[in-house]
Amino acid sequence: MLKHVSLRMISWYQSNGGSEFFFNIECNYEPSCSEYTRQCILKYGVIKGWMMGCQRIKRCSHTDLVEKIVDDVP
Protein backbone atom coordinates (compact mmCIF):
# COMPACT_ATOMS: atom_id res chain seq x y z
CA MET A 1 0.00 0.00 0.00
CA LEU A 2 2.68 2.49 1.05
CA LYS A 3 4.82 1.49 -1.92
CA HIS A 4 1.95 2.13 -4.32
CA VAL A 5 1.20 5.55 -2.77
CA SER A 6 4.88 6.55 -2.87
CA LEU A 7 5.23 5.58 -6.52
CA ARG A 8 2.03 7.46 -7.41
CA MET A 9 3.30 10.60 -5.64
CA ILE A 10 6.59 10.46 -7.52
CA SER A 11 4.80 9.83 -10.81
CA TRP A 12 2.54 12.84 -10.18
CA TYR A 13 5.56 15.02 -9.33
CA GLN A 14 7.39 13.95 -12.49
CA SER A 15 4.38 14.37 -14.79
CA ASN A 16 3.75 17.89 -13.46
CA GLY A 17 7.19 19.26 -14.25
CA GLY A 18 9.40 18.02 -11.42
CA SER A 19 12.10 20.25 -9.99
CA GLU A 20 12.03 22.67 -12.92
CA PHE A 21 8.38 23.51 -12.29
CA PHE A 22 8.21 23.30 -8.49
CA PHE A 23 11.64 24.68 -7.53
CA ASN A 24 12.80 26.45 -10.71
CA ILE A 25 16.02 24.36 -10.80
CA GLU A 26 17.29 21.55 -12.97
CA CYS A 27 18.45 18.33 -11.33
CA ASN A 28 22.23 17.88 -11.29
CA TYR A 29 22.04 14.12 -11.57
CA GLU A 30 21.18 11.56 -14.20
CA PRO A 31 18.76 9.91 -13.51
CA SER A 32 16.93 12.75 -11.77
CA CYS A 33 16.51 12.59 -7.99
CA SER A 34 12.85 11.65 -8.28
CA GLU A 35 13.60 8.87 -10.78
CA TYR A 36 16.46 7.64 -8.58
CA THR A 37 14.08 7.53 -5.59
CA ARG A 38 11.47 5.68 -7.65
CA GLN A 39 14.04 3.09 -8.73
CA CYS A 40 15.30 2.69 -5.15
CA ILE A 41 11.76 2.10 -3.87
CA LEU A 42 11.21 -0.54 -6.55
CA LYS A 43 14.52 -2.28 -5.81
CA TYR A 44 14.90 -1.92 -2.02
CA GLY A 45 11.40 -1.22 -0.70
CA VAL A 46 9.73 1.90 0.66
CA ILE A 47 11.77 2.69 3.76
CA LYS A 48 15.25 2.09 2.37
CA GLY A 49 14.21 3.57 -0.99
CA TRP A 50 13.05 6.85 0.56
CA MET A 51 16.15 6.99 2.76
CA MET A 52 18.42 6.56 -0.27
CA GLY A 53 16.40 9.13 -2.23
CA CYS A 54 16.61 11.69 0.58
CA GLN A 55 20.37 11.18 0.87
CA ARG A 56 20.67 11.79 -2.86
CA ILE A 57 18.60 15.00 -2.65
CA LYS A 58 20.86 16.26 0.16
CA ARG A 59 23.87 15.85 -2.16
CA CYS A 60 22.16 17.82 -4.93
CA SER A 61 23.63 21.24 -4.17
CA HIS A 62 25.85 22.12 -7.14
CA THR A 63 24.19 25.29 -8.43
CA ASP A 64 26.75 26.05 -11.17
CA LEU A 65 27.35 22.51 -12.44
CA VAL A 66 28.12 22.30 -16.17
CA GLU A 67 27.69 18.55 -16.77
CA LYS A 68 25.26 16.18 -15.10
CA ILE A 69 26.60 13.64 -12.63
CA VAL A 70 25.73 10.06 -13.55
CA ASP A 71 24.74 8.22 -10.37
CA ASP A 72 22.83 5.00 -10.95
CA VAL A 73 21.03 3.01 -8.26
CA PRO A 74 23.50 0.60 -6.64
PDB file of N, CA and C in Angstrom:
ATOM      1  N   MET A   1       0.830  -1.202   0.000  1.00  0.00           N
ATOM      2  CA  MET A   1       0.000   0.000   0.000  1.00  0.00           C
ATOM      3  C   MET A   1       0.866   1.254   0.000  1.00  0.00           C
ATOM      4  N   LEU A   2       1.815   1.322   0.951  1.00  0.00           N
ATOM      5  CA  LEU A   2       2.682   2.494   1.048  1.00  0.00           C
ATOM      6  C   LEU A   2       3.580   2.621  -0.180  1.00  0.00           C
ATOM      7  N   LYS A   3       3.996   1.484  -0.711  1.00  0.00           N
ATOM      8  CA  LYS A   3       4.824   1.492  -1.921  1.00  0.00           C
ATOM      9  C   LYS A   3       4.038   2.076  -3.091  1.00  0.00           C
ATOM     10  N   HIS A   4       2.804   1.648  -3.235  1.00  0.00           N
ATOM     11  CA  HIS A   4       1.945   2.132  -4.317  1.00  0.00           C
ATOM     12  C   HIS A   4       1.715   3.645  -4.193  1.00  0.00           C
ATOM     13  N   VAL A   5       1.432   4.118  -3.003  1.00  0.00           N
ATOM     14  CA  VAL A   5       1.205   5.549  -2.768  1.00  0.00           C
ATOM     15  C   VAL A   5       2.469   6.357  -3.070  1.00  0.00           C
ATOM     16  N   SER A   6       3.607   5.856  -2.633  1.00  0.00           N
ATOM     17  CA  SER A   6       4.879   6.546  -2.871  1.00  0.00           C
ATOM     18  C   SER A   6       5.162   6.665  -4.360  1.00  0.00           C
ATOM     19  N   LEU A   7       4.974   5.559  -5.088  1.00  0.00           N
ATOM     20  CA  LEU A   7       5.230   5.582  -6.524  1.00  0.00           C
ATOM     21  C   LEU A   7       4.253   6.500  -7.256  1.00  0.00           C
ATOM     22  N   ARG A   8       3.015   6.550  -6.800  1.00  0.00           N
ATOM     23  CA  ARG A   8       2.028   7.458  -7.410  1.00  0.00           C
ATOM     24  C   ARG A   8       2.395   8.920  -7.162  1.00  0.00           C
ATOM     25  N   MET A   9       2.876   9.231  -5.960  1.00  0.00           N
ATOM     26  CA  MET A   9       3.295  10.602  -5.642  1.00  0.00           C
ATOM     27  C   MET A   9       4.463  11.024  -6.527  1.00  0.00           C
ATOM     28  N   ILE A  10       5.435  10.150  -6.687  1.00  0.00           N
ATOM     29  CA  ILE A  10       6.593  10.458  -7.524  1.00  0.00           C
ATOM     30  C   ILE A  10       6.167  10.614  -8.974  1.00  0.00           C
ATOM     31  N   SER A  11       5.299   9.744  -9.438  1.00  0.00           N
ATOM     32  CA  SER A  11       4.796   9.831 -10.808  1.00  0.00           C
ATOM     33  C   SER A  11       4.065  11.156 -11.041  1.00  0.00           C
ATOM     34  N   TRP A  12       3.253  11.563 -10.078  1.00  0.00           N
ATOM     35  CA  TRP A  12       2.538  12.838 -10.183  1.00  0.00           C
ATOM     36  C   TRP A  12       3.528  13.998 -10.239  1.00  0.00           C
ATOM     37  N   TYR A  13       4.529  13.977  -9.372  1.00  0.00           N
ATOM     38  CA  TYR A  13       5.555  15.017  -9.328  1.00  0.00           C
ATOM     39  C   TYR A  13       6.286  15.107 -10.673  1.00  0.00           C
ATOM     40  N   GLN A  14       6.676  13.962 -11.224  1.00  0.00           N
ATOM     41  CA  GLN A  14       7.389  13.947 -12.490  1.00  0.00           C
ATOM     42  C   GLN A  14       6.513  14.415 -13.643  1.00  0.00           C
ATOM     43  N   SER A  15       5.267  13.998 -13.678  1.00  0.00           N
ATOM     44  CA  SER A  15       4.382  14.371 -14.786  1.00  0.00           C
ATOM     45  C   SER A  15       3.952  15.832 -14.730  1.00  0.00           C
ATOM     46  N   ASN A  16       4.113  16.477 -13.589  1.00  0.00           N
ATOM     47  CA  ASN A  16       3.745  17.887 -13.460  1.00  0.00           C
ATOM     48  C   ASN A  16       4.947  18.830 -13.513  1.00  0.00           C
ATOM     49  N   GLY A  17       6.067  18.358 -14.013  1.00  0.00           N
ATOM     50  CA  GLY A  17       7.192  19.260 -14.246  1.00  0.00           C
ATOM     51  C   GLY A  17       8.388  19.057 -13.355  1.00  0.00           C
ATOM     52  N   GLY A  18       8.268  18.304 -12.293  1.00  0.00           N
ATOM     53  CA  GLY A  18       9.397  18.018 -11.418  1.00  0.00           C
ATOM     54  C   GLY A  18      10.052  19.244 -10.833  1.00  0.00           C
ATOM     55  N   SER A  19      11.367  19.173 -10.663  1.00  0.00           N
ATOM     56  CA  SER A  19      12.104  20.250  -9.988  1.00  0.00           C
ATOM     57  C   SER A  19      12.096  21.549 -10.782  1.00  0.00           C
ATOM     58  N   GLU A  20      12.041  21.450 -12.107  1.00  0.00           N
ATOM     59  CA  GLU A  20      12.025  22.675 -12.916  1.00  0.00           C
ATOM     60  C   GLU A  20      10.759  23.483 -12.673  1.00  0.00           C
ATOM     61  N   PHE A  21       9.639  22.805 -12.516  1.00  0.00           N
ATOM     62  CA  PHE A  21       8.383  23.513 -12.293  1.00  0.00           C
ATOM     63  C   PHE A  21       8.219  23.948 -10.836  1.00  0.00           C
ATOM     64  N   PHE A  22       8.472  23.028  -9.900  1.00  0.00           N
ATOM     65  CA  PHE A  22       8.207  23.301  -8.493  1.00  0.00           C
ATOM     66  C   PHE A  22       9.279  24.142  -7.810  1.00  0.00           C
ATOM     67  N   PHE A  23      10.542  23.987  -8.216  1.00  0.00           N
ATOM     68  CA  PHE A  23      11.636  24.679  -7.532  1.00  0.00           C
ATOM     69  C   PHE A  23      12.452  25.586  -8.439  1.00  0.00           C
ATOM     70  N   ASN A  24      12.120  25.621  -9.725  1.00  0.00           N
ATOM     71  CA  ASN A  24      12.805  26.445 -10.713  1.00  0.00           C
ATOM     72  C   ASN A  24      14.308  26.124 -10.780  1.00  0.00           C
ATOM     73  N   ILE A  25      14.634  24.833 -10.659  1.00  0.00           N
ATOM     74  CA  ILE A  25      16.017  24.360 -10.802  1.00  0.00           C
ATOM     75  C   ILE A  25      16.016  23.093 -11.644  1.00  0.00           C
ATOM     76  N   GLU A  26      17.153  22.792 -12.225  1.00  0.00           N
ATOM     77  CA  GLU A  26      17.295  21.550 -12.975  1.00  0.00           C
ATOM     78  C   GLU A  26      18.129  20.585 -12.145  1.00  0.00           C
ATOM     79  N   CYS A  27      17.732  19.332 -12.123  1.00  0.00           N
ATOM     80  CA  CYS A  27      18.446  18.332 -11.333  1.00  0.00           C
ATOM     81  C   CYS A  27      19.868  18.171 -11.857  1.00  0.00           C
ATOM     82  N   ASN A  28      20.819  18.038 -10.938  1.00  0.00           N
ATOM     83  CA  ASN A  28      22.225  17.884 -11.293  1.00  0.00           C
ATOM     84  C   ASN A  28      22.609  16.446 -11.632  1.00  0.00           C
ATOM     85  N   TYR A  29      21.718  15.528 -11.406  1.00  0.00           N
ATOM     86  CA  TYR A  29      22.040  14.121 -11.573  1.00  0.00           C
ATOM     87  C   TYR A  29      21.280  13.489 -12.721  1.00  0.00           C
ATOM     88  N   GLU A  30      21.833  12.397 -13.210  1.00  0.00           N
ATOM     89  CA  GLU A  30      21.180  11.556 -14.199  1.00  0.00           C
ATOM     90  C   GLU A  30      21.217  10.139 -13.667  1.00  0.00           C
ATOM     91  N   PRO A  31      20.143   9.465 -13.388  1.00  0.00           N
ATOM     92  CA  PRO A  31      18.762   9.911 -13.506  1.00  0.00           C
ATOM     93  C   PRO A  31      18.417  10.976 -12.462  1.00  0.00           C
ATOM     94  N   SER A  32      17.333  11.682 -12.695  1.00  0.00           N
ATOM     95  CA  SER A  32      16.927  12.748 -11.773  1.00  0.00           C
ATOM     96  C   SER A  32      16.697  12.175 -10.379  1.00  0.00           C
ATOM     97  N   CYS A  33      16.684  13.040  -9.391  1.00  0.00           N
ATOM     98  CA  CYS A  33      16.513  12.593  -7.994  1.00  0.00           C
ATOM     99  C   CYS A  33      15.189  11.862  -7.801  1.00  0.00           C
ATOM    100  N   SER A  34      14.137  12.325  -8.439  1.00  0.00           N
ATOM    101  CA  SER A  34      12.845  11.654  -8.284  1.00  0.00           C
ATOM    102  C   SER A  34      12.863  10.282  -8.951  1.00  0.00           C
ATOM    103  N   GLU A  35      13.499  10.166 -10.113  1.00  0.00           N
ATOM    104  CA  GLU A  35      13.596   8.866 -10.780  1.00  0.00           C
ATOM    105  C   GLU A  35      14.491   7.920  -9.994  1.00  0.00           C
ATOM    106  N   TYR A  36      15.558   8.437  -9.433  1.00  0.00           N
ATOM    107  CA  TYR A  36      16.456   7.641  -8.584  1.00  0.00           C
ATOM    108  C   TYR A  36      15.674   7.099  -7.381  1.00  0.00           C
ATOM    109  N   THR A  37      14.885   7.946  -6.745  1.00  0.00           N
ATOM    110  CA  THR A  37      14.085   7.527  -5.592  1.00  0.00           C
ATOM    111  C   THR A  37      13.078   6.465  -6.001  1.00  0.00           C
ATOM    112  N   ARG A  38      12.438   6.657  -7.144  1.00  0.00           N
ATOM    113  CA  ARG A  38      11.470   5.677  -7.653  1.00  0.00           C
ATOM    114  C   ARG A  38      12.148   4.319  -7.862  1.00  0.00           C
ATOM    115  N   GLN A  39      13.321   4.329  -8.486  1.00  0.00           N
ATOM    116  CA  GLN A  39      14.044   3.089  -8.731  1.00  0.00           C
ATOM    117  C   GLN A  39      14.488   2.423  -7.426  1.00  0.00           C
ATOM    118  N   CYS A  40      14.899   3.237  -6.447  1.00  0.00           N
ATOM    119  CA  CYS A  40      15.297   2.689  -5.145  1.00  0.00           C
ATOM    120  C   CYS A  40      14.118   2.043  -4.433  1.00  0.00           C
ATOM    121  N   ILE A  41      12.957   2.665  -4.503  1.00  0.00           N
ATOM    122  CA  ILE A  41      11.764   2.097  -3.872  1.00  0.00           C
ATOM    123  C   ILE A  41      11.413   0.770  -4.520  1.00  0.00           C
ATOM    124  N   LEU A  42      11.511   0.704  -5.851  1.00  0.00           N
ATOM    125  CA  LEU A  42      11.211  -0.540  -6.550  1.00  0.00           C
ATOM    126  C   LEU A  42      12.219  -1.642  -6.196  1.00  0.00           C
ATOM    127  N   LYS A  43      13.476  -1.282  -6.042  1.00  0.00           N
ATOM    128  CA  LYS A  43      14.523  -2.281  -5.809  1.00  0.00           C
ATOM    129  C   LYS A  43      14.673  -2.667  -4.344  1.00  0.00           C
ATOM    130  N   TYR A  44      14.581  -1.672  -3.425  1.00  0.00           N
ATOM    131  CA  TYR A  44      14.899  -1.919  -2.019  1.00  0.00           C
ATOM    132  C   TYR A  44      13.701  -1.818  -1.070  1.00  0.00           C
ATOM    133  N   GLY A  45      12.555  -1.391  -1.563  1.00  0.00           N
ATOM    134  CA  GLY A  45      11.398  -1.218  -0.698  1.00  0.00           C
ATOM    135  C   GLY A  45      11.224   0.240  -0.288  1.00  0.00           C
ATOM    136  N   VAL A  46      10.117   0.519   0.368  1.00  0.00           N
ATOM    137  CA  VAL A  46       9.729   1.901   0.661  1.00  0.00           C
ATOM    138  C   VAL A  46      10.689   2.598   1.617  1.00  0.00           C
ATOM    139  N   ILE A  47      10.975   2.003   2.742  1.00  0.00           N
ATOM    140  CA  ILE A  47      11.769   2.691   3.763  1.00  0.00           C
ATOM    141  C   ILE A  47      13.189   2.952   3.285  1.00  0.00           C
ATOM    142  N   LYS A  48      13.875   1.910   2.849  1.00  0.00           N
ATOM    143  CA  LYS A  48      15.247   2.093   2.374  1.00  0.00           C
ATOM    144  C   LYS A  48      15.268   2.946   1.107  1.00  0.00           C
ATOM    145  N   GLY A  49      14.281   2.776   0.237  1.00  0.00           N
ATOM    146  CA  GLY A  49      14.207   3.570  -0.992  1.00  0.00           C
ATOM    147  C   GLY A  49      14.080   5.058  -0.720  1.00  0.00           C
ATOM    148  N   TRP A  50      13.198   5.428   0.202  1.00  0.00           N
ATOM    149  CA  TRP A  50      13.051   6.848   0.561  1.00  0.00           C
ATOM    150  C   TRP A  50      14.306   7.378   1.244  1.00  0.00           C
ATOM    151  N   MET A  51      14.930   6.555   2.092  1.00  0.00           N
ATOM    152  CA  MET A  51      16.154   6.994   2.760  1.00  0.00           C
ATOM    153  C   MET A  51      17.257   7.268   1.734  1.00  0.00           C
ATOM    154  N   MET A  52      17.410   6.372   0.776  1.00  0.00           N
ATOM    155  CA  MET A  52      18.421   6.563  -0.267  1.00  0.00           C
ATOM    156  C   MET A  52      18.095   7.785  -1.128  1.00  0.00           C
ATOM    157  N   GLY A  53      16.815   7.976  -1.441  1.00  0.00           N
ATOM    158  CA  GLY A  53      16.402   9.134  -2.225  1.00  0.00           C
ATOM    159  C   GLY A  53      16.661  10.445  -1.497  1.00  0.00           C
ATOM    160  N   CYS A  54      16.377  10.471  -0.207  1.00  0.00           N
ATOM    161  CA  CYS A  54      16.615  11.692   0.583  1.00  0.00           C
ATOM    162  C   CYS A  54      18.103  12.001   0.697  1.00  0.00           C
ATOM    163  N   GLN A  55      18.928  10.966   0.834  1.00  0.00           N
ATOM    164  CA  GLN A  55      20.372  11.181   0.871  1.00  0.00           C
ATOM    165  C   GLN A  55      20.864  11.758  -0.453  1.00  0.00           C
ATOM    166  N   ARG A  56      20.300  11.291  -1.534  1.00  0.00           N
ATOM    167  CA  ARG A  56      20.670  11.795  -2.860  1.00  0.00           C
ATOM    168  C   ARG A  56      20.271  13.261  -3.008  1.00  0.00           C
ATOM    169  N   ILE A  57      19.075  13.612  -2.563  1.00  0.00           N
ATOM    170  CA  ILE A  57      18.601  14.996  -2.651  1.00  0.00           C
ATOM    171  C   ILE A  57      19.483  15.920  -1.820  1.00  0.00           C
ATOM    172  N   LYS A  58      19.956  15.457  -0.670  1.00  0.00           N
ATOM    173  CA  LYS A  58      20.858  16.263   0.160  1.00  0.00           C
ATOM    174  C   LYS A  58      22.160  16.581  -0.566  1.00  0.00           C
ATOM    175  N   ARG A  59      22.622  15.641  -1.413  1.00  0.00           N
ATOM    176  CA  ARG A  59      23.869  15.852  -2.158  1.00  0.00           C
ATOM    177  C   ARG A  59      23.683  16.771  -3.365  1.00  0.00           C
ATOM    178  N   CYS A  60      22.464  17.052  -3.723  1.00  0.00           N
ATOM    179  CA  CYS A  60      22.162  17.823  -4.933  1.00  0.00           C
ATOM    180  C   CYS A  60      22.251  19.317  -4.631  1.00  0.00           C
ATOM    181  N   SER A  61      23.471  19.837  -4.545  1.00  0.00           N
ATOM    182  CA  SER A  61      23.630  21.237  -4.168  1.00  0.00           C
ATOM    183  C   SER A  61      24.618  21.994  -5.056  1.00  0.00           C
ATOM    184  N   HIS A  62      24.928  21.464  -6.224  1.00  0.00           N
ATOM    185  CA  HIS A  62      25.852  22.119  -7.140  1.00  0.00           C
ATOM    186  C   HIS A  62      25.061  23.082  -8.038  1.00  0.00           C
ATOM    187  N   THR A  63      25.011  24.352  -7.676  1.00  0.00           N
ATOM    188  CA  THR A  63      24.189  25.293  -8.432  1.00  0.00           C
ATOM    189  C   THR A  63      24.788  25.681  -9.769  1.00  0.00           C
ATOM    190  N   ASP A  64      26.112  25.619  -9.920  1.00  0.00           N
ATOM    191  CA  ASP A  64      26.745  26.047 -11.169  1.00  0.00           C
ATOM    192  C   ASP A  64      27.383  24.876 -11.921  1.00  0.00           C
ATOM    193  N   LEU A  65      26.818  23.704 -11.800  1.00  0.00           N
ATOM    194  CA  LEU A  65      27.347  22.512 -12.438  1.00  0.00           C
ATOM    195  C   LEU A  65      27.160  22.587 -13.950  1.00  0.00           C
ATOM    196  N   VAL A  66      28.186  22.241 -14.712  1.00  0.00           N
ATOM    197  CA  VAL A  66      28.122  22.302 -16.172  1.00  0.00           C
ATOM    198  C   VAL A  66      27.590  20.995 -16.751  1.00  0.00           C
ATOM    199  N   GLU A  67      28.125  19.858 -16.285  1.00  0.00           N
ATOM    200  CA  GLU A  67      27.687  18.550 -16.767  1.00  0.00           C
ATOM    201  C   GLU A  67      26.956  17.802 -15.664  1.00  0.00           C
ATOM    202  N   LYS A  68      26.001  16.978 -16.081  1.00  0.00           N
ATOM    203  CA  LYS A  68      25.261  16.183 -15.102  1.00  0.00           C
ATOM    204  C   LYS A  68      26.128  15.061 -14.549  1.00  0.00           C
ATOM    205  N   ILE A  69      25.887  14.720 -13.296  1.00  0.00           N
ATOM    206  CA  ILE A  69      26.596  13.638 -12.626  1.00  0.00           C
ATOM    207  C   ILE A  69      25.787  12.358 -12.824  1.00  0.00           C
ATOM    208  N   VAL A  70      26.420  11.345 -13.370  1.00  0.00           N
ATOM    209  CA  VAL A  70      25.734  10.059 -13.553  1.00  0.00           C
ATOM    210  C   VAL A  70      25.883   9.260 -12.264  1.00  0.00           C
ATOM    211  N   ASP A  71      24.752   8.935 -11.659  1.00  0.00           N
ATOM    212  CA  ASP A  71      24.736   8.224 -10.373  1.00  0.00           C
ATOM    213  C   ASP A  71      23.575   7.234 -10.398  1.00  0.00           C
ATOM    214  N   ASP A  72      23.874   6.029 -10.848  1.00  0.00           N
ATOM    215  CA  ASP A  72      22.831   4.998 -10.947  1.00  0.00           C
ATOM    216  C   ASP A  72      22.561   4.363  -9.592  1.00  0.00           C
ATOM    217  N   VAL A  73      21.414   3.726  -9.485  1.00  0.00           N
ATOM    218  CA  VAL A  73      21.028   3.012  -8.258  1.00  0.00           C
ATOM    219  C   VAL A  73      21.979   1.846  -8.065  1.00  0.00           C
ATOM    220  N   PRO A  74      22.567   1.722  -6.869  1.00  0.00           N
ATOM    221  CA  PRO A  74      23.496   0.596  -6.638  1.00  0.00           C
ATOM    222  C   PRO A  74      22.762  -0.745  -6.613  1.00  0.00           C
TER     223      PRO A  74
END
